[in-house]
Amino acid sequence: MTPTPAQKRKSGNPATQAQIELSVKQQREQKRQEKLAEYQRQLAKRRRSKLVWWIVGSVAAVAVIVAIVASIVFAPAPAPTYDRGDGDGSAIEGVETFENTANHVEGSVDYPQSPPAGGDHNAVWLNCGVYTEPVPDENAVHDLEHGAVWITYDPAQVSSDDVAKLEALLPSTYSVLSPYEGMDTPIAVSAWNAQLKVDSADDDRIKEFITAYWHSTNAPEPNALCTGGLDAPGRK
């Protein structure tokens, strides 16, 4: 029998009063247990949330570290640096030197060396850099006049790996790399009035030649630009 509100407050029957008090205690205990269960659920939820954010933060931190390491490991190697050469490579075995004129002319020029190592040339210079297609002789020779070094290779005799090795030897400016078909040697390195022909991209004399002639102070126009001129097809 359910106790009435008056009985809940107090009953004259001791047995009934005990039952009422037990029911009230049970209700209080149930509410206490419900509050405790809800607190535990909220606590577990907060713990799960913290764990998720910790995992997300850790993964993000690892991703950032991996990205930084990858950017360092896989970044292209910086271009080598050379001191400005004095134009004297006479001590390098195999270097040939020439006497060429330096006039600005129009049209094509029949050069005595192949590839050219100086001579009359176009009034517009070639922008220095790496080219995947042959460049005009007359514009490239103008670069030599400005003190640039021009590395040419015969694509029929040189592999793509060797081309990459040649590119790795280039300074960041005052240098040109381009294919040159039909050469009598796999690789030629040219400066104004000087040239070295080699069979391999691993030949140490290539670097020696660049060291001697790069941005040479003895070029006809040693302080002229190597940018702001002609961009030939195939420039990387």
C-alpha atoms as a PDB file:
ATOM      1  CA  MET A   1       0.000   0.000   0.000  1.00  0.00           C
ATOM      2  CA  THR A   2       1.447   3.349  -1.102  1.00  0.00           C
ATOM      3  CA  PRO A   3       1.781   5.806   1.796  1.00  0.00           C
ATOM      4  CA  THR A   4      -0.235   9.038   1.588  1.00  0.00           C
ATOM      5  CA  PRO A   5       1.511  12.448   1.766  1.00  0.00           C
ATOM      6  CA  ALA A   6       0.425  12.709   5.389  1.00  0.00           C
ATOM      7  CA  GLN A   7       1.821   9.254   6.071  1.00  0.00           C
ATOM      8  CA  LYS A   8       5.068  10.224   4.349  1.00  0.00           C
ATOM      9  CA  ARG A   9       5.453  13.027   6.771  1.00  0.00           C
ATOM     10  CA  LYS A  10       4.708  10.804   9.785  1.00  0.00           C
ATOM     11  CA  SER A  11       2.661   7.790  10.776  1.00  0.00           C
ATOM     12  CA  GLY A  12       1.488   6.733  14.178  1.00  0.00           C
ATOM     13  CA  ASN A  13       2.088   3.088  13.247  1.00  0.00           C
ATOM     14  CA  PRO A  14       5.734   2.214  13.926  1.00  0.00           C
ATOM     15  CA  ALA A  15       5.791  -0.427  11.197  1.00  0.00           C
ATOM     16  CA  THR A  16       4.276   1.948   8.679  1.00  0.00           C
ATOM     17  CA  GLN A  17       6.632   4.729   9.735  1.00  0.00           C
ATOM     18  CA  ALA A  18       9.637   2.430   9.275  1.00  0.00           C
ATOM     19  CA  GLN A  19       8.434   1.491   5.811  1.00  0.00           C
ATOM     20  CA  ILE A  20       8.049   5.163   4.908  1.00  0.00           C
ATOM     21  CA  GLU A  21      11.536   6.009   6.130  1.00  0.00           C
ATOM     22  CA  LEU A  22      12.984   3.027   4.233  1.00  0.00           C
ATOM     23  CA  SER A  23      11.265   4.136   1.039  1.00  0.00           C
ATOM     24  CA  VAL A  24      12.635   7.674   1.434  1.00  0.00           C
ATOM     25  CA  LYS A  25      16.141   6.351   2.037  1.00  0.00           C
ATOM     26  CA  GLN A  26      15.848   4.129  -1.012  1.00  0.00           C
ATOM     27  CA  GLN A  27      14.772   7.094  -3.154  1.00  0.00           C
ATOM     28  CA  ARG A  28      17.631   9.198  -1.824  1.00  0.00           C
ATOM     29  CA  GLU A  29      20.092   6.384  -2.463  1.00  0.00           C
ATOM     30  CA  GLN A  30      18.736   5.889  -5.965  1.00  0.00           C
ATOM     31  CA  LYS A  31      19.132   9.580  -6.724  1.00  0.00           C
ATOM     32  CA  ARG A  32      22.619   9.515  -5.249  1.00  0.00           C
ATOM     33  CA  GLN A  33      23.507   6.521  -7.391  1.00  0.00           C
ATOM     34  CA  GLU A  34      22.072   8.238 -10.469  1.00  0.00           C
ATOM     35  CA  LYS A  35      24.125  11.373  -9.773  1.00  0.00           C
ATOM     36  CA  LEU A  36      27.214   9.268  -9.190  1.00  0.00           C
ATOM     37  CA  ALA A  37      26.648   7.362 -12.429  1.00  0.00           C
ATOM     38  CA  GLU A  38      26.142  10.621 -14.329  1.00  0.00           C
ATOM     39  CA  TYR A  39      29.325  12.055 -12.828  1.00  0.00           C
ATOM     40  CA  GLN A  40      31.239   8.951 -13.823  1.00  0.00           C
ATOM     41  CA  ARG A  41      29.850   9.163 -17.363  1.00  0.00           C
ATOM     42  CA  GLN A  42      30.877  12.816 -17.654  1.00  0.00           C
ATOM     43  CA  LEU A  43      34.304  12.027 -16.210  1.00  0.00           C
ATOM     44  CA  ALA A  44      34.805   9.182 -18.688  1.00  0.00           C
ATOM     45  CA  LYS A  45      33.649  11.456 -21.510  1.00  0.00           C
ATOM     46  CA  ARG A  46      36.166  14.131 -20.519  1.00  0.00           C
ATOM     47  CA  ARG A  47      38.889  11.518 -20.329  1.00  0.00           C
ATOM     48  CA  ARG A  48      38.017  10.213 -23.783  1.00  0.00           C
ATOM     49  CA  SER A  49      37.974  13.753 -25.133  1.00  0.00           C
ATOM     50  CA  LYS A  50      41.387  14.492 -23.634  1.00  0.00           C
ATOM     51  CA  LEU A  51      42.735  11.223 -25.034  1.00  0.00           C
ATOM     52  CA  VAL A  52      41.399  12.023 -28.523  1.00  0.00           C
ATOM     53  CA  TRP A  53      42.916  15.501 -28.473  1.00  0.00           C
ATOM     54  CA  TRP A  54      46.202  14.120 -27.154  1.00  0.00           C
ATOM     55  CA  ILE A  55      46.292  11.587 -29.990  1.00  0.00           C
ATOM     56  CA  VAL A  56      45.359  14.220 -32.571  1.00  0.00           C
ATOM     57  CA  GLY A  57      47.986  16.608 -31.199  1.00  0.00           C
ATOM     58  CA  SER A  58      50.623  13.902 -31.153  1.00  0.00           C
ATOM     59  CA  VAL A  59      49.845  12.846 -34.729  1.00  0.00           C
ATOM     60  CA  ALA A  60      49.944  16.480 -35.866  1.00  0.00           C
ATOM     61  CA  ALA A  61      53.272  17.028 -34.121  1.00  0.00           C
ATOM     62  CA  VAL A  62      54.728  13.896 -35.713  1.00  0.00           C
ATOM     63  CA  ALA A  63      53.404  15.007 -39.112  1.00  0.00           C
ATOM     64  CA  VAL A  64      55.097  18.395 -38.719  1.00  0.00           C
ATOM     65  CA  ILE A  65      58.384  16.755 -37.727  1.00  0.00           C
ATOM     66  CA  VAL A  66      58.164  14.337 -40.683  1.00  0.00           C
ATOM     67  CA  ALA A  67      57.454  17.232 -43.053  1.00  0.00           C
ATOM     68  CA  ILE A  68      60.434  19.198 -41.740  1.00  0.00           C
ATOM     69  CA  VAL A  69      62.749  16.198 -41.999  1.00  0.00           C
ATOM     70  CA  ALA A  70      61.461  15.397 -45.504  1.00  0.00           C
ATOM     71  CA  SER A  71      61.979  18.988 -46.624  1.00  0.00           C
ATOM     72  CA  ILE A  72      65.586  18.785 -45.443  1.00  0.00           C
ATOM     73  CA  VAL A  73      66.310  15.308 -46.794  1.00  0.00           C
ATOM     74  CA  PHE A  74      64.629  15.732 -50.169  1.00  0.00           C
ATOM     75  CA  ALA A  75      65.404  19.388 -50.800  1.00  0.00           C
ATOM     76  CA  PRO A  76      67.580  19.885 -53.869  1.00  0.00           C
ATOM     77  CA  ALA A  77      71.218  20.411 -53.089  1.00  0.00           C
ATOM     78  CA  PRO A  78      72.248  24.060 -53.220  1.00  0.00           C
ATOM     79  CA  ALA A  79      74.303  25.179 -56.203  1.00  0.00           C
ATOM     80  CA  PRO A  80      78.044  25.030 -55.596  1.00  0.00           C
ATOM     81  CA  THR A  81      79.866  28.290 -55.050  1.00  0.00           C
ATOM     82  CA  TYR A  82      83.012  29.351 -56.868  1.00  0.00           C
ATOM     83  CA  ASP A  83      85.331  32.270 -56.420  1.00  0.00           C
ATOM     84  CA  ARG A  84      85.496  34.531 -59.409  1.00  0.00           C
ATOM     85  CA  GLY A  85      88.062  33.072 -61.794  1.00  0.00           C
ATOM     86  CA  ASP A  86      91.052  34.829 -63.294  1.00  0.00           C
ATOM     87  CA  GLY A  87      90.636  33.185 -66.691  1.00  0.00           C
ATOM     88  CA  ASP A  88      93.848  31.195 -66.508  1.00  0.00           C
ATOM     89  CA  GLY A  89      93.310  27.467 -66.922  1.00  0.00           C
ATOM     90  CA  SER A  90      96.637  26.765 -68.596  1.00  0.00           C
ATOM     91  CA  ALA A  91      97.569  24.247 -65.913  1.00  0.00           C
ATOM     92  CA  ILE A  92      94.516  22.088 -66.674  1.00  0.00           C
ATOM     93  CA  GLU A  93      95.380  19.181 -68.951  1.00  0.00           C
ATOM     94  CA  GLY A  94      93.487  19.292 -72.249  1.00  0.00           C
ATOM     95  CA  VAL A  95      92.443  22.946 -72.171  1.00  0.00           C
ATOM     96  CA  GLU A  96      92.679  24.656 -75.558  1.00  0.00           C
ATOM     97  CA  THR A  97      92.846  28.423 -75.942  1.00  0.00           C
ATOM     98  CA  PHE A  98      91.954  30.556 -78.944  1.00  0.00           C
ATOM     99  CA  GLU A  99      91.944  34.099 -80.299  1.00  0.00           C
ATOM    100  CA  ASN A 100      88.435  35.175 -81.331  1.00  0.00           C
ATOM    101  CA  THR A 101      86.916  38.505 -82.292  1.00  0.00           C
ATOM    102  CA  ALA A 102      84.027  39.962 -80.290  1.00  0.00           C
ATOM    103  CA  ASN A 103      81.824  41.913 -82.685  1.00  0.00           C
ATOM    104  CA  HIS A 104      78.038  42.198 -82.506  1.00  0.00           C
ATOM    105  CA  VAL A 105      76.551  40.880 -85.732  1.00  0.00           C
ATOM    106  CA  GLU A 106      73.211  39.837 -87.154  1.00  0.00           C
ATOM    107  CA  GLY A 107      72.335  36.415 -88.509  1.00  0.00           C
ATOM    108  CA  SER A 108      74.190  33.149 -88.099  1.00  0.00           C
ATOM    109  CA  VAL A 109      77.935  32.886 -87.557  1.00  0.00           C
ATOM    110  CA  ASP A 110      80.291  30.180 -88.811  1.00  0.00           C
ATOM    111  CA  TYR A 111      82.377  29.492 -85.716  1.00  0.00           C
ATOM    112  CA  PRO A 112      85.866  27.969 -85.893  1.00  0.00           C
ATOM    113  CA  GLN A 113      85.223  25.886 -82.762  1.00  0.00           C
ATOM    114  CA  SER A 114      82.326  23.495 -82.178  1.00  0.00           C
ATOM    115  CA  PRO A 115      80.801  24.281 -79.784  1.00  0.00           C
ATOM    116  CA  PRO A 116      81.893  27.920 -80.038  1.00  0.00           C
ATOM    117  CA  ALA A 117      84.355  29.300 -77.511  1.00  0.00           C
ATOM    118  CA  GLY A 118      84.058  32.960 -78.430  1.00  0.00           C
ATOM    119  CA  GLY A 119      83.754  34.981 -81.606  1.00  0.00           C
ATOM    120  CA  ASP A 120      81.327  37.410 -83.180  1.00  0.00           C
ATOM    121  CA  HIS A 121      77.840  37.073 -81.750  1.00  0.00           C
ATOM    122  CA  ASN A 122      74.313  38.405 -81.493  1.00  0.00           C
ATOM    123  CA  ALA A 123      73.791  41.669 -79.619  1.00  0.00           C
ATOM    124  CA  VAL A 124      71.294  39.920 -77.303  1.00  0.00           C
ATOM    125  CA  TRP A 125      72.759  37.530 -74.751  1.00  0.00           C
ATOM    126  CA  LEU A 126      71.153  34.278 -73.624  1.00  0.00           C
ATOM    127  CA  ASN A 127      69.705  34.155 -70.126  1.00  0.00           C
ATOM    128  CA  CYS A 128      71.966  31.879 -68.115  1.00  0.00           C
ATOM    129  CA  GLY A 129      70.525  28.650 -66.770  1.00  0.00           C
ATOM    130  CA  VAL A 130      69.769  25.045 -67.678  1.00  0.00           C
ATOM    131  CA  TYR A 131      68.223  24.264 -71.056  1.00  0.00           C
ATOM    132  CA  THR A 132      66.799  20.956 -72.234  1.00  0.00           C
ATOM    133  CA  GLU A 133      66.931  21.992 -75.897  1.00  0.00           C
ATOM    134  CA  PRO A 134      69.806  23.338 -78.006  1.00  0.00           C
ATOM    135  CA  VAL A 135      70.312  27.092 -77.696  1.00  0.00           C
ATOM    136  CA  PRO A 136      71.403  29.551 -80.420  1.00  0.00           C
ATOM    137  CA  ASP A 137      75.189  29.721 -80.678  1.00  0.00           C
ATOM    138  CA  GLU A 138      75.182  33.439 -81.361  1.00  0.00           C
ATOM    139  CA  ASN A 139      73.341  34.255 -78.119  1.00  0.00           C
ATOM    140  CA  ALA A 140      75.260  31.761 -75.968  1.00  0.00           C
ATOM    141  CA  VAL A 141      78.604  33.157 -77.157  1.00  0.00           C
ATOM    142  CA  HIS A 142      77.477  36.553 -75.876  1.00  0.00           C
ATOM    143  CA  ASP A 143      77.238  34.913 -72.419  1.00  0.00           C
ATOM    144  CA  LEU A 144      80.857  33.818 -72.725  1.00  0.00           C
ATOM    145  CA  GLU A 145      81.761  37.422 -73.431  1.00  0.00           C
ATOM    146  CA  HIS A 146      80.143  38.296 -70.089  1.00  0.00           C
ATOM    147  CA  GLY A 147      82.256  35.729 -68.241  1.00  0.00           C
ATOM    148  CA  ALA A 148      79.847  32.779 -68.203  1.00  0.00           C
ATOM    149  CA  VAL A 149      80.840  29.132 -68.529  1.00  0.00           C
ATOM    150  CA  TRP A 150      78.911  27.058 -71.076  1.00  0.00           C
ATOM    151  CA  ILE A 151      78.665  23.283 -70.616  1.00  0.00           C
ATOM    152  CA  THR A 152      77.394  21.393 -73.637  1.00  0.00           C
ATOM    153  CA  TYR A 153      76.756  17.671 -74.039  1.00  0.00           C
ATOM    154  CA  ASP A 154      75.875  15.396 -76.924  1.00  0.00           C
ATOM    155  CA  PRO A 155      72.538  13.741 -75.933  1.00  0.00           C
ATOM    156  CA  ALA A 156      73.441  10.729 -78.055  1.00  0.00           C
ATOM    157  CA  GLN A 157      76.547  10.108 -75.931  1.00  0.00           C
ATOM    158  CA  VAL A 158      75.520  11.268 -72.458  1.00  0.00           C
ATOM    159  CA  SER A 159      72.940   9.645 -70.167  1.00  0.00           C
ATOM    160  CA  SER A 160      70.311  11.504 -68.166  1.00  0.00           C
ATOM    161  CA  ASP A 161      72.206  10.614 -64.977  1.00  0.00           C
ATOM    162  CA  ASP A 162      75.344  12.268 -66.347  1.00  0.00           C
ATOM    163  CA  VAL A 163      73.327  15.345 -67.338  1.00  0.00           C
ATOM    164  CA  ALA A 164      72.163  15.561 -63.714  1.00  0.00           C
ATOM    165  CA  LYS A 165      75.794  15.367 -62.574  1.00  0.00           C
ATOM    166  CA  LEU A 166      76.710  18.230 -64.898  1.00  0.00           C
ATOM    167  CA  GLU A 167      73.813  20.304 -63.611  1.00  0.00           C
ATOM    168  CA  ALA A 168      74.988  19.701 -60.040  1.00  0.00           C
ATOM    169  CA  LEU A 169      78.347  21.271 -60.922  1.00  0.00           C
ATOM    170  CA  LEU A 170      76.812  24.534 -62.126  1.00  0.00           C
ATOM    171  CA  PRO A 171      77.013  27.685 -60.032  1.00  0.00           C
ATOM    172  CA  SER A 172      73.739  29.511 -59.538  1.00  0.00           C
ATOM    173  CA  THR A 173      74.498  32.118 -62.198  1.00  0.00           C
ATOM    174  CA  TYR A 174      76.915  32.918 -65.041  1.00  0.00           C
ATOM    175  CA  SER A 175      76.597  29.366 -66.325  1.00  0.00           C
ATOM    176  CA  VAL A 176      74.704  27.621 -69.119  1.00  0.00           C
ATOM    177  CA  LEU A 177      74.000  23.923 -69.618  1.00  0.00           C
ATOM    178  CA  SER A 178      72.466  22.744 -72.876  1.00  0.00           C
ATOM    179  CA  PRO A 179      72.489  19.802 -75.284  1.00  0.00           C
ATOM    180  CA  TYR A 180      74.585  20.163 -78.430  1.00  0.00           C
ATOM    181  CA  GLU A 181      74.057  17.515 -81.074  1.00  0.00           C
ATOM    182  CA  GLY A 182      76.829  16.094 -83.239  1.00  0.00           C
ATOM    183  CA  MET A 183      79.784  16.978 -81.025  1.00  0.00           C
ATOM    184  CA  ASP A 184      83.049  15.088 -81.479  1.00  0.00           C
ATOM    185  CA  THR A 185      83.140  14.503 -77.714  1.00  0.00           C
ATOM    186  CA  PRO A 186      80.460  13.667 -75.131  1.00  0.00           C
ATOM    187  CA  ILE A 187      80.987  16.855 -73.113  1.00  0.00           C
ATOM    188  CA  ALA A 188      82.574  20.243 -73.748  1.00  0.00           C
ATOM    189  CA  VAL A 189      83.114  23.039 -71.255  1.00  0.00           C
ATOM    190  CA  SER A 190      83.638  26.453 -72.830  1.00  0.00           C
ATOM    191  CA  ALA A 191      84.563  29.939 -71.671  1.00  0.00           C
ATOM    192  CA  TRP A 192      85.673  32.960 -73.684  1.00  0.00           C
ATOM    193  CA  ASN A 193      88.624  31.757 -75.820  1.00  0.00           C
ATOM    194  CA  ALA A 194      89.037  28.546 -73.807  1.00  0.00           C
ATOM    195  CA  GLN A 195      87.588  25.064 -74.051  1.00  0.00           C
ATOM    196  CA  LEU A 196      87.932  21.626 -72.459  1.00  0.00           C
ATOM    197  CA  LYS A 197      86.528  18.447 -73.982  1.00  0.00           C
ATOM    198  CA  VAL A 198      86.002  15.364 -71.801  1.00  0.00           C
ATOM    199  CA  ASP A 199      84.427  11.928 -72.067  1.00  0.00           C
ATOM    200  CA  SER A 200      82.743  11.702 -68.664  1.00  0.00           C
ATOM    201  CA  ALA A 201      80.670  13.850 -66.320  1.00  0.00           C
ATOM    202  CA  ASP A 202      82.841  12.481 -63.498  1.00  0.00           C
ATOM    203  CA  ASP A 203      85.995  14.071 -64.913  1.00  0.00           C
ATOM    204  CA  ASP A 204      87.487  16.290 -62.187  1.00  0.00           C
ATOM    205  CA  ARG A 205      88.788  18.715 -64.806  1.00  0.00           C
ATOM    206  CA  ILE A 206      85.266  20.046 -65.390  1.00  0.00           C
ATOM    207  CA  LYS A 207      85.197  21.592 -61.930  1.00  0.00           C
ATOM    208  CA  GLU A 208      88.768  22.801 -62.327  1.00  0.00           C
ATOM    209  CA  PHE A 209      87.799  24.552 -65.569  1.00  0.00           C
ATOM    210  CA  ILE A 210      84.775  26.212 -63.958  1.00  0.00           C
ATOM    211  CA  THR A 211      86.960  27.351 -61.059  1.00  0.00           C
ATOM    212  CA  ALA A 212      89.430  28.946 -63.452  1.00  0.00           C
ATOM    213  CA  TYR A 213      87.001  30.612 -65.857  1.00  0.00           C
ATOM    214  CA  TRP A 214      83.712  31.222 -64.064  1.00  0.00           C
ATOM    215  CA  HIS A 215      82.730  34.909 -64.131  1.00  0.00           C
ATOM    216  CA  SER A 216      86.263  35.562 -65.293  1.00  0.00           C
ATOM    217  CA  THR A 217      87.711  38.996 -64.681  1.00  0.00           C
ATOM    218  CA  ASN A 218      89.522  38.606 -68.019  1.00  0.00           C
ATOM    219  CA  ALA A 219      86.381  38.145 -70.126  1.00  0.00           C
ATOM    220  CA  PRO A 220      85.765  40.972 -72.645  1.00  0.00           C
ATOM    221  CA  GLU A 221      82.784  42.256 -70.627  1.00  0.00           C
ATOM    222  CA  PRO A 222      83.355  40.835 -67.125  1.00  0.00           C
ATOM    223  CA  ASN A 223      80.694  42.843 -65.302  1.00  0.00           C
ATOM    224  CA  ALA A 224      77.858  42.528 -67.827  1.00  0.00           C
ATOM    225  CA  LEU A 225      74.599  40.784 -66.973  1.00  0.00           C
ATOM    226  CA  CYS A 226      73.633  37.157 -67.502  1.00  0.00           C
ATOM    227  CA  THR A 227      69.906  37.820 -67.108  1.00  0.00           C
ATOM    228  CA  GLY A 228      67.393  40.069 -68.834  1.00  0.00           C
ATOM    229  CA  GLY A 229      68.271  38.733 -72.276  1.00  0.00           C
ATOM    230  CA  LEU A 230      66.863  35.901 -74.411  1.00  0.00           C
ATOM    231  CA  ASP A 231      65.013  32.930 -72.963  1.00  0.00           C
ATOM    232  CA  ALA A 232      65.530  30.169 -75.518  1.00  0.00           C
ATOM    233  CA  PRO A 233      63.132  27.182 -75.703  1.00  0.00           C
ATOM    234  CA  GLY A 234      63.671  24.474 -73.107  1.00  0.00           C
ATOM    235  CA  ARG A 235      64.796  26.666 -70.225  1.00  0.00           C
ATOM    236  CA  LYS A 236      64.118  24.981 -66.868  1.00  0.00           C
END
